[in-house]
Amino acid sequence: MIYIIYILLFLLVFFVYFCIKFAMTIIRIQDAIEDSLDKIDQKYRRLNEILEIPVFFDSPEIKRIINEIYDIRNVVLDVANKLSGSVNKNNEIEDDEEEI
């Protein structure tokens, strides 16, 4: 009877550990997504302001639009890095645990 209690206690600790670990992963991914969406929203508003101005061929507005497009590209890259970075952190933690 006591062996069953030890086995159940071990299983409880095991499952609680992984539940907390996965919950932390979800929270990190959610924070990365929220930060990224804020950046994308900010750039979207800026593009809308620029697009409301009448544009001529060699105007500075065109240069600003091109710069904003580059910034949007960088923001999308940042989103990808944040999402992949949070996943890579978890993989590094798992690798460290396996070495121990």
N, C-alpha and C. Protein backbone atom coordinates (compact mmCIF):
# COMPACT_ATOMS: atom_id res chain seq x y z
N MET A 1 0.83 -1.20 0.00
CA MET A 1 0.00 0.00 0.00
C MET A 1 0.86 1.25 0.00
N ILE A 2 1.94 1.21 0.74
CA ILE A 2 2.81 2.38 0.83
C ILE A 2 3.53 2.65 -0.49
N TYR A 3 3.82 1.57 -1.24
CA TYR A 3 4.45 1.72 -2.55
C TYR A 3 3.53 2.44 -3.53
N ILE A 4 2.28 2.16 -3.45
CA ILE A 4 1.30 2.82 -4.32
C ILE A 4 1.25 4.31 -4.01
N ILE A 5 1.32 4.65 -2.74
CA ILE A 5 1.30 6.06 -2.34
C ILE A 5 2.55 6.76 -2.87
N TYR A 6 3.71 6.13 -2.78
CA TYR A 6 4.94 6.72 -3.30
C TYR A 6 4.89 6.89 -4.82
N ILE A 7 4.37 5.91 -5.48
CA ILE A 7 4.26 5.99 -6.93
C ILE A 7 3.30 7.11 -7.32
N LEU A 8 2.16 7.21 -6.66
CA LEU A 8 1.20 8.28 -6.95
C LEU A 8 1.78 9.65 -6.62
N LEU A 9 2.53 9.75 -5.54
CA LEU A 9 3.17 11.01 -5.17
C LEU A 9 4.21 11.41 -6.23
N PHE A 10 4.98 10.45 -6.68
CA PHE A 10 5.96 10.72 -7.73
C PHE A 10 5.27 11.19 -9.01
N LEU A 11 4.21 10.51 -9.40
CA LEU A 11 3.48 10.91 -10.59
C LEU A 11 2.86 12.30 -10.44
N LEU A 12 2.38 12.61 -9.25
CA LEU A 12 1.82 13.93 -8.99
C LEU A 12 2.87 15.01 -9.17
N VAL A 13 4.03 14.82 -8.59
CA VAL A 13 5.11 15.79 -8.70
C VAL A 13 5.54 15.92 -10.17
N PHE A 14 5.64 14.82 -10.86
CA PHE A 14 6.04 14.81 -12.26
C PHE A 14 5.07 15.62 -13.11
N PHE A 15 3.78 15.37 -12.96
CA PHE A 15 2.79 16.07 -13.77
C PHE A 15 2.65 17.54 -13.38
N VAL A 16 2.79 17.87 -12.12
CA VAL A 16 2.72 19.26 -11.69
C VAL A 16 3.90 20.04 -12.29
N TYR A 17 5.09 19.44 -12.28
CA TYR A 17 6.27 20.09 -12.86
C TYR A 17 6.04 20.43 -14.33
N PHE A 18 5.56 19.47 -15.10
CA PHE A 18 5.38 19.73 -16.52
C PHE A 18 4.19 20.64 -16.80
N CYS A 19 3.18 20.62 -15.97
CA CYS A 19 2.07 21.57 -16.14
C CYS A 19 2.55 22.99 -15.94
N ILE A 20 3.36 23.21 -14.91
CA ILE A 20 3.89 24.55 -14.65
C ILE A 20 4.84 24.96 -15.77
N LYS A 21 5.66 24.04 -16.22
CA LYS A 21 6.61 24.33 -17.30
C LYS A 21 5.87 24.75 -18.57
N PHE A 22 4.85 24.02 -18.95
CA PHE A 22 4.09 24.36 -20.15
C PHE A 22 3.29 25.65 -19.97
N ALA A 23 2.81 25.90 -18.78
CA ALA A 23 2.09 27.15 -18.52
C ALA A 23 3.02 28.35 -18.67
N MET A 24 4.24 28.22 -18.20
CA MET A 24 5.21 29.32 -18.35
C MET A 24 5.55 29.55 -19.82
N THR A 25 5.63 28.48 -20.58
CA THR A 25 5.89 28.60 -22.02
C THR A 25 4.75 29.35 -22.69
N ILE A 26 3.54 29.02 -22.37
CA ILE A 26 2.38 29.69 -22.95
C ILE A 26 2.36 31.16 -22.58
N ILE A 27 2.70 31.48 -21.34
CA ILE A 27 2.72 32.88 -20.90
C ILE A 27 3.79 33.67 -21.65
N ARG A 28 4.98 33.08 -21.85
CA ARG A 28 6.03 33.77 -22.59
C ARG A 28 5.62 34.01 -24.04
N ILE A 29 5.00 33.03 -24.66
CA ILE A 29 4.56 33.20 -26.04
C ILE A 29 3.47 34.25 -26.13
N GLN A 30 2.57 34.26 -25.18
CA GLN A 30 1.50 35.26 -25.18
C GLN A 30 2.07 36.67 -25.03
N ASP A 31 3.05 36.86 -24.15
CA ASP A 31 3.67 38.18 -23.98
C ASP A 31 4.38 38.61 -25.26
N ALA A 32 5.07 37.68 -25.91
CA ALA A 32 5.76 38.02 -27.16
C ALA A 32 4.76 38.43 -28.23
N ILE A 33 3.65 37.73 -28.31
CA ILE A 33 2.63 38.06 -29.31
C ILE A 33 2.01 39.42 -29.02
N GLU A 34 1.72 39.71 -27.77
CA GLU A 34 1.13 40.99 -27.41
C GLU A 34 2.07 42.15 -27.73
N ASP A 35 3.36 42.00 -27.38
CA ASP A 35 4.33 43.06 -27.69
C ASP A 35 4.45 43.27 -29.19
N SER A 36 4.47 42.20 -29.92
CA SER A 36 4.61 42.28 -31.37
C SER A 36 3.38 42.92 -32.00
N LEU A 37 2.21 42.58 -31.52
CA LEU A 37 0.99 43.19 -32.05
C LEU A 37 0.94 44.68 -31.77
N ASP A 38 1.46 45.11 -30.62
CA ASP A 38 1.52 46.54 -30.31
C ASP A 38 2.43 47.26 -31.31
N LYS A 39 3.58 46.66 -31.61
CA LYS A 39 4.49 47.27 -32.58
C LYS A 39 3.87 47.34 -33.97
N ILE A 40 3.22 46.26 -34.37
CA ILE A 40 2.59 46.24 -35.69
C ILE A 40 1.47 47.27 -35.77
N ASP A 41 0.68 47.41 -34.69
CA ASP A 41 -0.40 48.39 -34.66
C ASP A 41 0.14 49.81 -34.76
N GLN A 42 1.25 50.08 -34.07
CA GLN A 42 1.86 51.40 -34.12
C GLN A 42 2.32 51.73 -35.54
N LYS A 43 2.96 50.80 -36.20
CA LYS A 43 3.42 51.02 -37.57
C LYS A 43 2.24 51.14 -38.54
N TYR A 44 1.20 50.41 -38.29
CA TYR A 44 0.01 50.49 -39.15
C TYR A 44 -0.61 51.88 -39.08
N ARG A 45 -0.72 52.42 -37.88
CA ARG A 45 -1.26 53.78 -37.73
C ARG A 45 -0.37 54.80 -38.44
N ARG A 46 0.94 54.62 -38.32
CA ARG A 46 1.87 55.54 -38.97
C ARG A 46 1.73 55.48 -40.50
N LEU A 47 1.58 54.29 -41.03
CA LEU A 47 1.38 54.15 -42.48
C LEU A 47 0.08 54.82 -42.91
N ASN A 48 -0.96 54.69 -42.13
CA ASN A 48 -2.22 55.35 -42.47
C ASN A 48 -2.07 56.85 -42.51
N GLU A 49 -1.32 57.43 -41.56
CA GLU A 49 -1.08 58.87 -41.57
C GLU A 49 -0.34 59.29 -42.84
N ILE A 50 0.64 58.52 -43.23
CA ILE A 50 1.41 58.85 -44.42
C ILE A 50 0.55 58.71 -45.68
N LEU A 51 -0.27 57.67 -45.71
CA LEU A 51 -1.08 57.43 -46.91
C LEU A 51 -2.17 58.48 -47.11
N GLU A 52 -2.53 59.21 -46.08
CA GLU A 52 -3.53 60.26 -46.22
C GLU A 52 -2.98 61.49 -46.94
N ILE A 53 -1.66 61.62 -47.00
CA ILE A 53 -1.02 62.76 -47.66
C ILE A 53 -0.96 62.47 -49.16
N PRO A 54 -1.32 63.46 -50.01
CA PRO A 54 -1.18 63.23 -51.46
C PRO A 54 0.29 63.01 -51.81
N VAL A 55 0.55 62.00 -52.65
CA VAL A 55 1.92 61.61 -52.95
C VAL A 55 2.26 61.97 -54.39
N PHE A 56 3.46 62.53 -54.57
CA PHE A 56 3.98 62.82 -55.89
C PHE A 56 5.21 61.94 -56.12
N PHE A 57 5.67 61.86 -57.32
CA PHE A 57 6.69 60.88 -57.69
C PHE A 57 7.96 60.99 -56.86
N ASP A 58 8.60 62.14 -56.82
CA ASP A 58 9.86 62.28 -56.08
C ASP A 58 9.67 63.00 -54.75
N SER A 59 8.57 62.77 -54.13
CA SER A 59 8.30 63.48 -52.88
C SER A 59 8.93 62.76 -51.69
N PRO A 60 9.12 63.50 -50.62
CA PRO A 60 9.67 62.88 -49.41
C PRO A 60 8.70 61.86 -48.79
N GLU A 61 7.40 61.98 -49.11
CA GLU A 61 6.43 61.02 -48.59
C GLU A 61 6.74 59.61 -49.10
N ILE A 62 7.16 59.52 -50.35
CA ILE A 62 7.49 58.21 -50.91
C ILE A 62 8.67 57.61 -50.15
N LYS A 63 9.65 58.45 -49.87
CA LYS A 63 10.81 57.98 -49.10
C LYS A 63 10.38 57.54 -47.70
N ARG A 64 9.46 58.28 -47.10
CA ARG A 64 8.97 57.90 -45.77
C ARG A 64 8.21 56.57 -45.83
N ILE A 65 7.42 56.38 -46.89
CA ILE A 65 6.70 55.11 -47.04
C ILE A 65 7.68 53.96 -47.18
N ILE A 66 8.71 54.16 -47.97
CA ILE A 66 9.71 53.11 -48.13
C ILE A 66 10.38 52.81 -46.79
N ASN A 67 10.71 53.86 -46.03
CA ASN A 67 11.30 53.64 -44.70
C ASN A 67 10.34 52.91 -43.77
N GLU A 68 9.06 53.24 -43.84
CA GLU A 68 8.08 52.55 -43.01
C GLU A 68 7.95 51.08 -43.42
N ILE A 69 8.03 50.82 -44.71
CA ILE A 69 7.97 49.43 -45.17
C ILE A 69 9.16 48.65 -44.63
N TYR A 70 10.34 49.27 -44.65
CA TYR A 70 11.50 48.61 -44.05
C TYR A 70 11.30 48.36 -42.56
N ASP A 71 10.72 49.35 -41.87
CA ASP A 71 10.45 49.17 -40.44
C ASP A 71 9.46 48.04 -40.18
N ILE A 72 8.44 47.95 -41.03
CA ILE A 72 7.46 46.86 -40.89
C ILE A 72 8.13 45.52 -41.08
N ARG A 73 9.01 45.46 -42.05
CA ARG A 73 9.76 44.22 -42.28
C ARG A 73 10.56 43.85 -41.03
N ASN A 74 11.20 44.84 -40.41
CA ASN A 74 11.97 44.59 -39.19
C ASN A 74 11.08 44.16 -38.03
N VAL A 75 9.89 44.74 -37.95
CA VAL A 75 8.96 44.36 -36.89
C VAL A 75 8.51 42.91 -37.07
N VAL A 76 8.20 42.53 -38.29
CA VAL A 76 7.80 41.15 -38.55
C VAL A 76 8.95 40.20 -38.22
N LEU A 77 10.17 40.61 -38.55
CA LEU A 77 11.33 39.80 -38.20
C LEU A 77 11.48 39.70 -36.68
N ASP A 78 11.23 40.80 -35.99
CA ASP A 78 11.29 40.80 -34.52
C ASP A 78 10.24 39.86 -33.94
N VAL A 79 9.05 39.84 -34.53
CA VAL A 79 7.99 38.93 -34.08
C VAL A 79 8.47 37.49 -34.21
N ALA A 80 9.03 37.17 -35.35
CA ALA A 80 9.50 35.81 -35.57
C ALA A 80 10.62 35.46 -34.59
N ASN A 81 11.52 36.40 -34.35
CA ASN A 81 12.61 36.13 -33.41
C ASN A 81 12.11 35.92 -31.99
N LYS A 82 11.13 36.74 -31.59
CA LYS A 82 10.59 36.57 -30.24
C LYS A 82 9.90 35.23 -30.08
N LEU A 83 9.11 34.87 -31.08
CA LEU A 83 8.42 33.59 -30.99
C LEU A 83 9.39 32.43 -31.03
N SER A 84 10.36 32.48 -31.90
CA SER A 84 11.33 31.39 -31.97
C SER A 84 12.26 31.43 -30.77
N GLY A 85 12.54 32.62 -30.24
CA GLY A 85 13.41 32.73 -29.06
C GLY A 85 12.78 32.10 -27.83
N SER A 86 11.48 32.28 -27.64
CA SER A 86 10.83 31.68 -26.48
C SER A 86 10.79 30.17 -26.59
N VAL A 87 10.65 29.67 -27.81
CA VAL A 87 10.66 28.22 -28.01
C VAL A 87 12.07 27.68 -27.84
N ASN A 88 13.08 28.42 -28.34
CA ASN A 88 14.46 27.97 -28.20
C ASN A 88 14.91 27.97 -26.75
N LYS A 89 14.43 28.93 -25.94
CA LYS A 89 14.77 28.94 -24.52
C LYS A 89 14.29 27.66 -23.85
N ASN A 90 13.10 27.24 -24.19
CA ASN A 90 12.56 26.02 -23.61
C ASN A 90 13.39 24.82 -24.03
N ASN A 91 13.82 24.78 -25.28
CA ASN A 91 14.65 23.67 -25.75
C ASN A 91 15.99 23.66 -25.03
N GLU A 92 16.58 24.84 -24.78
CA GLU A 92 17.85 24.91 -24.06
C GLU A 92 17.67 24.44 -22.62
N ILE A 93 16.57 24.80 -21.99
CA ILE A 93 16.31 24.36 -20.62
C ILE A 93 16.16 22.85 -20.57
N GLU A 94 15.45 22.29 -21.53
CA GLU A 94 15.29 20.84 -21.58
C GLU A 94 16.64 20.16 -21.80
N ASP A 95 17.49 20.72 -22.64
CA ASP A 95 18.82 20.14 -22.88
C ASP A 95 19.66 20.19 -21.61
N ASP A 96 19.57 21.31 -20.87
CA ASP A 96 20.32 21.42 -19.62
C ASP A 96 19.84 20.40 -18.60
N GLU A 97 18.55 20.15 -18.55
CA GLU A 97 17.99 19.19 -17.61
C GLU A 97 18.43 17.78 -17.98
N GLU A 98 18.53 17.48 -19.25
CA GLU A 98 18.94 16.16 -19.68
C GLU A 98 20.41 15.90 -19.34
N GLU A 99 21.23 16.93 -19.37
CA GLU A 99 22.65 16.78 -19.02
C GLU A 99 22.83 16.47 -17.54
N ILE A 100 21.94 16.98 -16.73
CA ILE A 100 22.03 16.74 -15.28
C ILE A 100 21.57 15.35 -15.01
